[in-house]
């Protein structure tokens, strides 16, 4: 989040990061309109058990206000976030997969 300038962002879907991602990937399909709102921390434990439109104003778990960032800035935020995220997640991928293969091939492992 830091690399994209999104420190402290409190969202899961339909807010600034979602809009920035869409502006990077398919800007011609994005209608920059206000959406979402802040979701109280007390709602987090039930987020997987209740439809989000019951927890939020419009089903968006995060907020977006047009005009804060330009379309180009939004696209840069989206690209920076996702390229940084994938680079970080892939840093130790070879070692992780090597360990997974080694564990999978241990003798006596039940293959049901």
PDB file of N, CA and C in Angstrom:
ATOM      1  N   UNK A   1       0.824  -1.193   0.000  1.00  0.00           N
ATOM      2  CA  UNK A   1       0.000   0.000   0.000  1.00  0.00           C
ATOM      3  C   UNK A   1       0.867   1.255   0.000  1.00  0.00           C
ATOM      4  N   UNK A   2       1.992   1.155   0.699  1.00  0.00           N
ATOM      5  CA  UNK A   2       2.848   2.326   0.824  1.00  0.00           C
ATOM      6  C   UNK A   2       3.368   2.793  -0.540  1.00  0.00           C
ATOM      7  N   UNK A   3       3.835   1.858  -1.358  1.00  0.00           N
ATOM      8  CA  UNK A   3       4.419   2.221  -2.659  1.00  0.00           C
ATOM      9  C   UNK A   3       3.418   2.961  -3.530  1.00  0.00           C
ATOM     10  N   UNK A   4       2.133   2.637  -3.384  1.00  0.00           N
ATOM     11  CA  UNK A   4       1.089   3.274  -4.188  1.00  0.00           C
ATOM     12  C   UNK A   4       0.526   4.522  -3.523  1.00  0.00           C
ATOM     13  N   UNK A   5       1.043   4.880  -2.349  1.00  0.00           N
ATOM     14  CA  UNK A   5       0.556   6.056  -1.644  1.00  0.00           C
ATOM     15  C   UNK A   5      -0.784   5.818  -0.962  1.00  0.00           C
ATOM     16  N   UNK A   6      -1.053   4.581  -0.584  1.00  0.00           N
ATOM     17  CA  UNK A   6      -2.349   4.240  -0.006  1.00  0.00           C
ATOM     18  C   UNK A   6      -2.249   3.809   1.453  1.00  0.00           C
ATOM     19  N   UNK A   7      -1.278   4.331   2.170  1.00  0.00           N
ATOM     20  CA  UNK A   7      -1.137   3.991   3.585  1.00  0.00           C
ATOM     21  C   UNK A   7      -2.434   4.266   4.333  1.00  0.00           C
ATOM     22  N   UNK A   8      -2.845   3.317   5.163  1.00  0.00           N
ATOM     23  CA  UNK A   8      -4.030   3.506   5.991  1.00  0.00           C
ATOM     24  C   UNK A   8      -5.352   3.310   5.271  1.00  0.00           C
ATOM     25  N   UNK A   9      -5.321   2.872   4.021  1.00  0.00           N
ATOM     26  CA  UNK A   9      -6.562   2.671   3.285  1.00  0.00           C
ATOM     27  C   UNK A   9      -7.373   1.556   3.933  1.00  0.00           C
ATOM     28  N   UNK A  10      -8.645   1.825   4.195  1.00  0.00           N
ATOM     29  CA  UNK A  10      -9.529   0.884   4.883  1.00  0.00           C
ATOM     30  C   UNK A  10     -10.643   0.480   3.927  1.00  0.00           C
ATOM     31  N   UNK A  11     -10.350  -0.486   3.062  1.00  0.00           N
ATOM     32  CA  UNK A  11     -11.365  -0.932   2.125  1.00  0.00           C
ATOM     33  C   UNK A  11     -11.097  -2.360   1.696  1.00  0.00           C
ATOM     34  N   UNK A  12     -12.129  -2.999   1.177  1.00  0.00           N
ATOM     35  CA  UNK A  12     -12.002  -4.354   0.641  1.00  0.00           C
ATOM     36  C   UNK A  12     -12.488  -4.431  -0.794  1.00  0.00           C
ATOM     37  N   UNK A  13     -13.439  -3.592  -1.170  1.00  0.00           N
ATOM     38  CA  UNK A  13     -14.022  -3.685  -2.505  1.00  0.00           C
ATOM     39  C   UNK A  13     -14.776  -2.397  -2.825  1.00  0.00           C
ATOM     40  N   UNK A  14     -14.591  -1.911  -4.027  1.00  0.00           N
ATOM     41  CA  UNK A  14     -15.423  -0.818  -4.506  1.00  0.00           C
ATOM     42  C   UNK A  14     -15.004   0.568  -4.072  1.00  0.00           C
ATOM     43  N   UNK A  15     -13.789   0.723  -3.588  1.00  0.00           N
ATOM     44  CA  UNK A  15     -13.312   2.040  -3.192  1.00  0.00           C
ATOM     45  C   UNK A  15     -12.190   2.520  -4.096  1.00  0.00           C
ATOM     46  N   UNK A  16     -11.327   3.333  -3.556  1.00  0.00           N
ATOM     47  CA  UNK A  16     -10.246   3.953  -4.307  1.00  0.00           C
ATOM     48  C   UNK A  16      -9.372   2.928  -5.029  1.00  0.00           C
ATOM     49  N   UNK A  17      -8.949   1.869  -4.348  1.00  0.00           N
ATOM     50  CA  UNK A  17      -8.071   0.889  -4.984  1.00  0.00           C
ATOM     51  C   UNK A  17      -8.777   0.171  -6.135  1.00  0.00           C
ATOM     52  N   UNK A  18     -10.037  -0.151  -5.970  1.00  0.00           N
ATOM     53  CA  UNK A  18     -10.788  -0.793  -7.054  1.00  0.00           C
ATOM     54  C   UNK A  18     -10.893   0.126  -8.270  1.00  0.00           C
ATOM     55  N   UNK A  19     -11.172   1.385  -8.033  1.00  0.00           N
ATOM     56  CA  UNK A  19     -11.274   2.353  -9.131  1.00  0.00           C
ATOM     57  C   UNK A  19      -9.906   2.535  -9.789  1.00  0.00           C
ATOM     58  N   UNK A  20      -8.851   2.650  -8.986  1.00  0.00           N
ATOM     59  CA  UNK A  20      -7.504   2.819  -9.533  1.00  0.00           C
ATOM     60  C   UNK A  20      -7.097   1.610 -10.374  1.00  0.00           C
ATOM     61  N   UNK A  21      -7.453   0.421  -9.906  1.00  0.00           N
ATOM     62  CA  UNK A  21      -7.158  -0.796 -10.659  1.00  0.00           C
ATOM     63  C   UNK A  21      -7.870  -0.770 -12.009  1.00  0.00           C
ATOM     64  N   UNK A  22      -9.145  -0.442 -11.995  1.00  0.00           N
ATOM     65  CA  UNK A  22      -9.916  -0.377 -13.238  1.00  0.00           C
ATOM     66  C   UNK A  22      -9.375   0.709 -14.171  1.00  0.00           C
ATOM     67  N   UNK A  23      -8.957   1.834 -13.619  1.00  0.00           N
ATOM     68  CA  UNK A  23      -8.409   2.912 -14.447  1.00  0.00           C
ATOM     69  C   UNK A  23      -7.096   2.492 -15.096  1.00  0.00           C
ATOM     70  N   UNK A  24      -6.358   1.617 -14.451  1.00  0.00           N
ATOM     71  CA  UNK A  24      -5.117   1.102 -15.042  1.00  0.00           C
ATOM     72  C   UNK A  24      -5.426   0.071 -16.128  1.00  0.00           C
ATOM     73  N   UNK A  25      -6.380  -0.825 -15.853  1.00  0.00           N
ATOM     74  CA  UNK A  25      -6.632  -1.944 -16.761  1.00  0.00           C
ATOM     75  C   UNK A  25      -7.605  -1.637 -17.899  1.00  0.00           C
ATOM     76  N   UNK A  26      -8.640  -0.874 -17.625  1.00  0.00           N
ATOM     77  CA  UNK A  26      -9.667  -0.631 -18.651  1.00  0.00           C
ATOM     78  C   UNK A  26     -10.339   0.725 -18.436  1.00  0.00           C
ATOM     79  N   UNK A  27      -9.576   1.806 -18.561  1.00  0.00           N
ATOM     80  CA  UNK A  27     -10.117   3.137 -18.241  1.00  0.00           C
ATOM     81  C   UNK A  27     -11.349   3.521 -19.064  1.00  0.00           C
ATOM     82  N   UNK A  28     -11.472   2.974 -20.255  1.00  0.00           N
ATOM     83  CA  UNK A  28     -12.619   3.322 -21.102  1.00  0.00           C
ATOM     84  C   UNK A  28     -13.941   2.803 -20.543  1.00  0.00           C
ATOM     85  N   UNK A  29     -13.881   1.888 -19.589  1.00  0.00           N
ATOM     86  CA  UNK A  29     -15.097   1.315 -19.001  1.00  0.00           C
ATOM     87  C   UNK A  29     -15.463   1.921 -17.646  1.00  0.00           C
ATOM     88  N   UNK A  30     -14.654   2.864 -17.170  1.00  0.00           N
ATOM     89  CA  UNK A  30     -14.856   3.398 -15.821  1.00  0.00           C
ATOM     90  C   UNK A  30     -15.667   4.687 -15.870  1.00  0.00           C
ATOM     91  N   UNK A  31     -16.699   4.728 -15.050  1.00  0.00           N
ATOM     92  CA  UNK A  31     -17.509   5.929 -14.865  1.00  0.00           C
ATOM     93  C   UNK A  31     -17.148   6.476 -13.485  1.00  0.00           C
ATOM     94  N   UNK A  32     -16.391   7.534 -13.451  1.00  0.00           N
ATOM     95  CA  UNK A  32     -15.888   8.078 -12.182  1.00  0.00           C
ATOM     96  C   UNK A  32     -16.996   8.809 -11.432  1.00  0.00           C
ATOM     97  N   UNK A  33     -17.704   8.055 -10.605  1.00  0.00           N
ATOM     98  CA  UNK A  33     -18.796   8.578  -9.792  1.00  0.00           C
ATOM     99  C   UNK A  33     -18.506   8.293  -8.323  1.00  0.00           C
ATOM    100  N   UNK A  34     -19.057   9.104  -7.408  1.00  0.00           N
ATOM    101  CA  UNK A  34     -18.872   8.806  -5.981  1.00  0.00           C
ATOM    102  C   UNK A  34     -19.465   7.441  -5.638  1.00  0.00           C
ATOM    103  N   UNK A  35     -18.799   6.717  -4.762  1.00  0.00           N
ATOM    104  CA  UNK A  35     -19.323   5.433  -4.314  1.00  0.00           C
ATOM    105  C   UNK A  35     -18.757   5.071  -2.967  1.00  0.00           C
ATOM    106  N   UNK A  36     -19.488   4.198  -2.276  1.00  0.00           N
ATOM    107  CA  UNK A  36     -19.011   3.624  -1.029  1.00  0.00           C
ATOM    108  C   UNK A  36     -19.010   4.577   0.136  1.00  0.00           C
ATOM    109  N   UNK A  37     -18.388   4.117   1.194  1.00  0.00           N
ATOM    110  CA  UNK A  37     -18.274   4.891   2.416  1.00  0.00           C
ATOM    111  C   UNK A  37     -17.452   4.114   3.428  1.00  0.00           C
ATOM    112  N   UNK A  38     -17.193   4.730   4.537  1.00  0.00           N
ATOM    113  CA  UNK A  38     -16.429   4.073   5.593  1.00  0.00           C
ATOM    114  C   UNK A  38     -17.277   2.982   6.248  1.00  0.00           C
ATOM    115  N   UNK A  39     -16.628   1.890   6.572  1.00  0.00           N
ATOM    116  CA  UNK A  39     -17.294   0.773   7.231  1.00  0.00           C
ATOM    117  C   UNK A  39     -16.704   0.639   8.628  1.00  0.00           C
ATOM    118  N   UNK A  40     -17.542   0.617   9.654  1.00  0.00           N
ATOM    119  CA  UNK A  40     -17.031   0.519  11.019  1.00  0.00           C
ATOM    120  C   UNK A  40     -16.240  -0.775  11.246  1.00  0.00           C
ATOM    121  N   UNK A  41     -15.211  -0.692  12.037  1.00  0.00           N
ATOM    122  CA  UNK A  41     -14.411  -1.877  12.360  1.00  0.00           C
ATOM    123  C   UNK A  41     -15.255  -2.982  12.985  1.00  0.00           C
ATOM    124  N   UNK A  42     -16.327  -2.611  13.666  1.00  0.00           N
ATOM    125  CA  UNK A  42     -17.188  -3.609  14.305  1.00  0.00           C
ATOM    126  C   UNK A  42     -17.872  -4.517  13.276  1.00  0.00           C
ATOM    127  N   UNK A  43     -17.921  -4.097  12.008  1.00  0.00           N
ATOM    128  CA  UNK A  43     -18.537  -4.914  10.957  1.00  0.00           C
ATOM    129  C   UNK A  43     -17.572  -5.952  10.382  1.00  0.00           C
ATOM    130  N   UNK A  44     -16.281  -5.787  10.600  1.00  0.00           N
ATOM    131  CA  UNK A  44     -15.293  -6.692   9.997  1.00  0.00           C
ATOM    132  C   UNK A  44     -15.515  -8.166  10.347  1.00  0.00           C
ATOM    133  N   UNK A  45     -15.802  -8.504  11.604  1.00  0.00           N
ATOM    134  CA  UNK A  45     -15.963  -9.931  11.933  1.00  0.00           C
ATOM    135  C   UNK A  45     -17.113 -10.616  11.195  1.00  0.00           C
ATOM    136  N   UNK A  46     -18.101  -9.873  10.754  1.00  0.00           N
ATOM    137  CA  UNK A  46     -19.252 -10.482  10.079  1.00  0.00           C
ATOM    138  C   UNK A  46     -19.217 -10.302   8.565  1.00  0.00           C
ATOM    139  N   UNK A  47     -18.152  -9.761   8.049  1.00  0.00           N
ATOM    140  CA  UNK A  47     -18.067  -9.436   6.623  1.00  0.00           C
ATOM    141  C   UNK A  47     -18.246 -10.639   5.706  1.00  0.00           C
ATOM    142  N   UNK A  48     -17.851 -11.820   6.158  1.00  0.00           N
ATOM    143  CA  UNK A  48     -17.986 -13.014   5.326  1.00  0.00           C
ATOM    144  C   UNK A  48     -19.329 -13.708   5.485  1.00  0.00           C
ATOM    145  N   UNK A  49     -20.200 -13.171   6.327  1.00  0.00           N
ATOM    146  CA  UNK A  49     -21.465 -13.841   6.631  1.00  0.00           C
ATOM    147  C   UNK A  49     -22.703 -13.007   6.314  1.00  0.00           C
ATOM    148  N   UNK A  50     -22.506 -11.748   5.945  1.00  0.00           N
ATOM    149  CA  UNK A  50     -23.615 -10.845   5.671  1.00  0.00           C
ATOM    150  C   UNK A  50     -23.351 -10.177   4.327  1.00  0.00           C
ATOM    151  N   UNK A  51     -24.399 -10.011   3.511  1.00  0.00           N
ATOM    152  CA  UNK A  51     -24.217  -9.293   2.253  1.00  0.00           C
ATOM    153  C   UNK A  51     -23.733  -7.877   2.547  1.00  0.00           C
ATOM    154  N   UNK A  52     -22.766  -7.438   1.769  1.00  0.00           N
ATOM    155  CA  UNK A  52     -22.147  -6.144   2.054  1.00  0.00           C
ATOM    156  C   UNK A  52     -23.108  -4.977   1.898  1.00  0.00           C
ATOM    157  N   UNK A  53     -24.152  -5.125   1.099  1.00  0.00           N
ATOM    158  CA  UNK A  53     -25.104  -4.015   0.997  1.00  0.00           C
ATOM    159  C   UNK A  53     -25.892  -3.832   2.288  1.00  0.00           C
ATOM    160  N   UNK A  54     -25.804  -4.824   3.201  1.00  0.00           N
ATOM    161  CA  UNK A  54     -26.412  -4.679   4.523  1.00  0.00           C
ATOM    162  C   UNK A  54     -25.453  -4.006   5.501  1.00  0.00           C
ATOM    163  N   UNK A  55     -24.171  -3.990   5.174  1.00  0.00           N
ATOM    164  CA  UNK A  55     -23.162  -3.398   6.049  1.00  0.00           C
ATOM    165  C   UNK A  55     -22.714  -2.017   5.572  1.00  0.00           C
ATOM    166  N   UNK A  56     -22.967  -1.729   4.312  1.00  0.00           N
ATOM    167  CA  UNK A  56     -22.474  -0.497   3.704  1.00  0.00           C
ATOM    168  C   UNK A  56     -23.623   0.233   3.023  1.00  0.00           C
ATOM    169  N   UNK A  57     -23.368   1.435   2.580  1.00  0.00           N
ATOM    170  CA  UNK A  57     -24.428   2.226   1.942  1.00  0.00           C
ATOM    171  C   UNK A  57     -24.800   1.691   0.573  1.00  0.00           C
ATOM    172  N   UNK A  58     -23.852   1.105  -0.162  1.00  0.00           N
ATOM    173  CA  UNK A  58     -24.147   0.642  -1.524  1.00  0.00           C
ATOM    174  C   UNK A  58     -23.431  -0.659  -1.895  1.00  0.00           C
ATOM    175  N   UNK A  59     -22.951  -1.392  -0.900  1.00  0.00           N
ATOM    176  CA  UNK A  59     -22.242  -2.635  -1.169  1.00  0.00           C
ATOM    177  C   UNK A  59     -20.753  -2.464  -1.381  1.00  0.00           C
ATOM    178  N   UNK A  60     -20.301  -1.228  -1.423  1.00  0.00           N
ATOM    179  CA  UNK A  60     -18.868  -0.946  -1.602  1.00  0.00           C
ATOM    180  C   UNK A  60     -18.213  -0.812  -0.230  1.00  0.00           C
ATOM    181  N   UNK A  61     -17.213  -1.612   0.011  1.00  0.00           N
ATOM    182  CA  UNK A  61     -16.496  -1.610   1.286  1.00  0.00           C
ATOM    183  C   UNK A  61     -15.260  -0.737   1.100  1.00  0.00           C
ATOM    184  N   UNK A  62     -15.467   0.529   1.066  1.00  0.00           N
ATOM    185  CA  UNK A  62     -14.446   1.534   0.806  1.00  0.00           C
ATOM    186  C   UNK A  62     -15.136   2.698   0.137  1.00  0.00           C
ATOM    187  N   UNK A  63     -14.423   3.773  -0.065  1.00  0.00           N
ATOM    188  CA  UNK A  63     -15.079   4.926  -0.683  1.00  0.00           C
ATOM    189  C   UNK A  63     -14.222   5.500  -1.799  1.00  0.00           C
ATOM    190  N   UNK A  64     -14.904   6.153  -2.712  1.00  0.00           N
ATOM    191  CA  UNK A  64     -14.237   6.851  -3.804  1.00  0.00           C
ATOM    192  C   UNK A  64     -14.956   8.162  -4.052  1.00  0.00           C
ATOM    193  N   UNK A  65     -14.179   9.225  -4.132  1.00  0.00           N
ATOM    194  CA  UNK A  65     -14.689  10.552  -4.468  1.00  0.00           C
ATOM    195  C   UNK A  65     -13.954  11.045  -5.705  1.00  0.00           C
ATOM    196  N   UNK A  66     -14.674  11.289  -6.808  1.00  0.00           N
ATOM    197  CA  UNK A  66     -14.011  11.795  -8.008  1.00  0.00           C
ATOM    198  C   UNK A  66     -13.419  13.175  -7.764  1.00  0.00           C
ATOM    199  N   UNK A  67     -12.377  13.484  -8.502  1.00  0.00           N
ATOM    200  CA  UNK A  67     -11.763  14.805  -8.422  1.00  0.00           C
ATOM    201  C   UNK A  67     -10.588  14.886  -7.471  1.00  0.00           C
ATOM    202  N   UNK A  68     -10.443  13.915  -6.585  1.00  0.00           N
ATOM    203  CA  UNK A  68      -9.304  13.913  -5.665  1.00  0.00           C
ATOM    204  C   UNK A  68      -8.032  13.571  -6.437  1.00  0.00           C
ATOM    205  N   UNK A  69      -8.145  12.617  -7.355  1.00  0.00           N
ATOM    206  CA  UNK A  69      -7.043  12.207  -8.218  1.00  0.00           C
ATOM    207  C   UNK A  69      -7.492  12.344  -9.666  1.00  0.00           C
ATOM    208  N   UNK A  70      -6.557  12.661 -10.552  1.00  0.00           N
ATOM    209  CA  UNK A  70      -6.862  12.699 -11.979  1.00  0.00           C
ATOM    210  C   UNK A  70      -6.963  11.266 -12.495  1.00  0.00           C
ATOM    211  N   UNK A  71      -7.579  11.067 -13.646  1.00  0.00           N
ATOM    212  CA  UNK A  71      -7.620   9.719 -14.223  1.00  0.00           C
ATOM    213  C   UNK A  71      -6.222   9.109 -14.390  1.00  0.00           C
ATOM    214  N   UNK A  72      -5.257   9.915 -14.814  1.00  0.00           N
ATOM    215  CA  UNK A  72      -3.883   9.404 -14.966  1.00  0.00           C
ATOM    216  C   UNK A  72      -3.281   9.013 -13.622  1.00  0.00           C
ATOM    217  N   UNK A  73      -3.526   9.819 -12.592  1.00  0.00           N
ATOM    218  CA  UNK A  73      -3.015   9.479 -11.252  1.00  0.00           C
ATOM    219  C   UNK A  73      -3.643   8.178 -10.748  1.00  0.00           C
ATOM    220  N   UNK A  74      -4.928   7.994 -10.999  1.00  0.00           N
ATOM    221  CA  UNK A  74      -5.595   6.759 -10.585  1.00  0.00           C
ATOM    222  C   UNK A  74      -4.965   5.544 -11.265  1.00  0.00           C
ATOM    223  N   UNK A  75      -4.700   5.660 -12.565  1.00  0.00           N
ATOM    224  CA  UNK A  75      -4.076   4.555 -13.298  1.00  0.00           C
ATOM    225  C   UNK A  75      -2.687   4.247 -12.750  1.00  0.00           C
ATOM    226  N   UNK A  76      -1.938   5.263 -12.404  1.00  0.00           N
ATOM    227  CA  UNK A  76      -0.595   5.063 -11.834  1.00  0.00           C
ATOM    228  C   UNK A  76      -0.698   4.384 -10.475  1.00  0.00           C
ATOM    229  N   UNK A  77      -1.654   4.798  -9.650  1.00  0.00           N
ATOM    230  CA  UNK A  77      -1.863   4.164  -8.341  1.00  0.00           C
ATOM    231  C   UNK A  77      -2.182   2.683  -8.534  1.00  0.00           C
ATOM    232  N   UNK A  78      -3.092   2.367  -9.441  1.00  0.00           N
ATOM    233  CA  UNK A  78      -3.456   0.968  -9.700  1.00  0.00           C
ATOM    234  C   UNK A  78      -2.268   0.153 -10.175  1.00  0.00           C
ATOM    235  N   UNK A  79      -1.544   0.668 -11.137  1.00  0.00           N
ATOM    236  CA  UNK A  79      -0.385  -0.062 -11.662  1.00  0.00           C
ATOM    237  C   UNK A  79       0.683  -0.239 -10.591  1.00  0.00           C
ATOM    238  N   UNK A  80       0.972   0.812  -9.840  1.00  0.00           N
ATOM    239  CA  UNK A  80       2.001   0.741  -8.803  1.00  0.00           C
ATOM    240  C   UNK A  80       1.625  -0.269  -7.731  1.00  0.00           C
ATOM    241  N   UNK A  81       0.376  -0.230  -7.289  1.00  0.00           N
ATOM    242  CA  UNK A  81      -0.047  -1.179  -6.268  1.00  0.00           C
ATOM    243  C   UNK A  81       0.126  -2.613  -6.753  1.00  0.00           C
ATOM    244  N   UNK A  82      -0.444  -2.934  -7.906  1.00  0.00           N
ATOM    245  CA  UNK A  82      -0.461  -4.332  -8.352  1.00  0.00           C
ATOM    246  C   UNK A  82       0.909  -4.840  -8.776  1.00  0.00           C
ATOM    247  N   UNK A  83       1.733  -4.004  -9.385  1.00  0.00           N
ATOM    248  CA  UNK A  83       3.073  -4.481  -9.749  1.00  0.00           C
ATOM    249  C   UNK A  83       3.919  -4.680  -8.495  1.00  0.00           C
ATOM    250  N   UNK A  84       3.794  -3.795  -7.523  1.00  0.00           N
ATOM    251  CA  UNK A  84       4.523  -3.956  -6.266  1.00  0.00           C
ATOM    252  C   UNK A  84       4.023  -5.186  -5.508  1.00  0.00           C
ATOM    253  N   UNK A  85       2.709  -5.363  -5.454  1.00  0.00           N
ATOM    254  CA  UNK A  85       2.114  -6.503  -4.766  1.00  0.00           C
ATOM    255  C   UNK A  85       2.601  -7.818  -5.373  1.00  0.00           C
ATOM    256  N   UNK A  86       2.543  -7.939  -6.696  1.00  0.00           N
ATOM    257  CA  UNK A  86       2.951  -9.199  -7.322  1.00  0.00           C
ATOM    258  C   UNK A  86       4.447  -9.436  -7.191  1.00  0.00           C
ATOM    259  N   UNK A  87       5.242  -8.387  -7.274  1.00  0.00           N
ATOM    260  CA  UNK A  87       6.689  -8.547  -7.075  1.00  0.00           C
ATOM    261  C   UNK A  87       6.990  -9.039  -5.664  1.00  0.00           C
ATOM    262  N   UNK A  88       6.334  -8.457  -4.666  1.00  0.00           N
ATOM    263  CA  UNK A  88       6.544  -8.863  -3.274  1.00  0.00           C
ATOM    264  C   UNK A  88       6.108 -10.305  -3.044  1.00  0.00           C
ATOM    265  N   UNK A  89       4.930 -10.668  -3.585  1.00  0.00           N
ATOM    266  CA  UNK A  89       4.406 -12.030  -3.405  1.00  0.00           C
ATOM    267  C   UNK A  89       5.286 -13.067  -4.097  1.00  0.00           C
ATOM    268  N   UNK A  90       6.001 -12.673  -5.142  1.00  0.00           N
ATOM    269  CA  UNK A  90       6.815 -13.612  -5.909  1.00  0.00           C
ATOM    270  C   UNK A  90       8.259 -13.706  -5.419  1.00  0.00           C
ATOM    271  N   UNK A  91       8.633 -12.877  -4.446  1.00  0.00           N
ATOM    272  CA  UNK A  91      10.034 -12.834  -3.997  1.00  0.00           C
ATOM    273  C   UNK A  91      10.586 -14.207  -3.617  1.00  0.00           C
ATOM    274  N   UNK A  92       9.836 -14.994  -2.909  1.00  0.00           N
ATOM    275  CA  UNK A  92      10.326 -16.288  -2.429  1.00  0.00           C
ATOM    276  C   UNK A  92       9.517 -17.443  -3.026  1.00  0.00           C
ATOM    277  N   UNK A  93       8.947 -17.205  -4.177  1.00  0.00           N
ATOM    278  CA  UNK A  93       8.086 -18.208  -4.783  1.00  0.00           C
ATOM    279  C   UNK A  93       8.838 -19.504  -5.097  1.00  0.00           C
ATOM    280  N   UNK A  94      10.039 -19.386  -5.644  1.00  0.00           N
ATOM    281  CA  UNK A  94      10.803 -20.591  -5.984  1.00  0.00           C
ATOM    282  C   UNK A  94      11.049 -21.445  -4.741  1.00  0.00           C
ATOM    283  N   UNK A  95      11.471 -20.817  -3.646  1.00  0.00           N
ATOM    284  CA  UNK A  95      11.735 -21.554  -2.414  1.00  0.00           C
ATOM    285  C   UNK A  95      10.450 -22.180  -1.860  1.00  0.00           C
ATOM    286  N   UNK A  96       9.352 -21.430  -1.922  1.00  0.00           N
ATOM    287  CA  UNK A  96       8.079 -21.937  -1.423  1.00  0.00           C
ATOM    288  C   UNK A  96       7.624 -23.145  -2.223  1.00  0.00           C
ATOM    289  N   UNK A  97       7.708 -23.061  -3.539  1.00  0.00           N
ATOM    290  CA  UNK A  97       7.287 -24.177  -4.382  1.00  0.00           C
ATOM    291  C   UNK A  97       8.209 -25.380  -4.231  1.00  0.00           C
ATOM    292  N   UNK A  98       9.507 -25.138  -4.074  1.00  0.00           N
ATOM    293  CA  UNK A  98      10.455 -26.231  -3.852  1.00  0.00           C
ATOM    294  C   UNK A  98      10.117 -26.966  -2.559  1.00  0.00           C
ATOM    295  N   UNK A  99       9.811 -26.226  -1.511  1.00  0.00           N
ATOM    296  CA  UNK A  99       9.420 -26.836  -0.232  1.00  0.00           C
ATOM    297  C   UNK A  99       8.119 -27.610  -0.389  1.00  0.00           C
ATOM    298  N   UNK A 100       7.157 -27.052  -1.107  1.00  0.00           N
ATOM    299  CA  UNK A 100       5.867 -27.725  -1.307  1.00  0.00           C
ATOM    300  C   UNK A 100       6.060 -29.050  -2.046  1.00  0.00           C
ATOM    301  N   UNK A 101       6.898 -29.048  -3.068  1.00  0.00           N
ATOM    302  CA  UNK A 101       7.156 -30.285  -3.820  1.00  0.00           C
ATOM    303  C   UNK A 101       7.851 -31.306  -2.927  1.00  0.00           C
ATOM    304  N   UNK A 102       8.811 -30.853  -2.146  1.00  0.00           N
ATOM    305  CA  UNK A 102       9.533 -31.760  -1.242  1.00  0.00           C
ATOM    306  C   UNK A 102       8.569 -32.376  -0.239  1.00  0.00           C
ATOM    307  N   UNK A 103       7.691 -31.578   0.351  1.00  0.00           N
ATOM    308  CA  UNK A 103       6.729 -32.090   1.329  1.00  0.00           C
ATOM    309  C   UNK A 103       5.713 -33.024   0.676  1.00  0.00           C
ATOM    310  N   UNK A 104       5.328 -32.701  -0.514  1.00  0.00           N
ATOM    311  CA  UNK A 104       4.350 -33.539  -1.224  1.00  0.00           C
ATOM    312  C   UNK A 104       4.925 -34.910  -1.514  1.00  0.00           C
ATOM    313  N   UNK A 105       6.210 -34.998  -1.730  1.00  0.00           N
ATOM    314  CA  UNK A 105       6.837 -36.253  -2.107  1.00  0.00           C
ATOM    315  C   UNK A 105       7.423 -37.027  -0.925  1.00  0.00           C
ATOM    316  N   UNK A 106       7.080 -36.658   0.304  1.00  0.00           N
ATOM    317  CA  UNK A 106       7.581 -37.401   1.471  1.00  0.00           C
ATOM    318  C   UNK A 106       7.002 -38.809   1.467  1.00  0.00           C
ATOM    319  N   UNK A 107       7.842 -39.799   1.827  1.00  0.00           N
ATOM    320  CA  UNK A 107       7.328 -41.175   1.896  1.00  0.00           C
ATOM    321  C   UNK A 107       6.268 -41.302   2.992  1.00  0.00           C
ATOM    322  N   UNK A 108       5.301 -42.179   2.746  1.00  0.00           N
ATOM    323  CA  UNK A 108       4.260 -42.436   3.748  1.00  0.00           C
ATOM    324  C   UNK A 108       3.145 -41.426   3.741  1.00  0.00           C
ATOM    325  N   UNK A 109       3.184 -40.486   2.833  1.00  0.00           N
ATOM    326  CA  UNK A 109       2.119 -39.474   2.762  1.00  0.00           C
ATOM    327  C   UNK A 109       0.872 -40.125   2.183  1.00  0.00           C
ATOM    328  N   UNK A 110      -0.265 -39.867   2.788  1.00  0.00           N
ATOM    329  CA  UNK A 110      -1.539 -40.443   2.357  1.00  0.00           C
ATOM    330  C   UNK A 110      -2.055 -39.657   1.152  1.00  0.00           C
ATOM    331  N   UNK A 111      -2.311 -40.305   0.027  1.00  0.00           N
ATOM    332  CA  UNK A 111      -2.724 -39.630  -1.214  1.00  0.00           C
ATOM    333  C   UNK A 111      -4.208 -39.795  -1.515  1.00  0.00           C
ATOM    334  N   UNK A 112      -5.058 -39.866  -0.521  1.00  0.00           N
ATOM    335  CA  UNK A 112      -6.494 -40.056  -0.766  1.00  0.00           C
ATOM    336  C   UNK A 112      -7.067 -38.921  -1.487  1.00  0.00           C
TER     337      UNK A 112
END
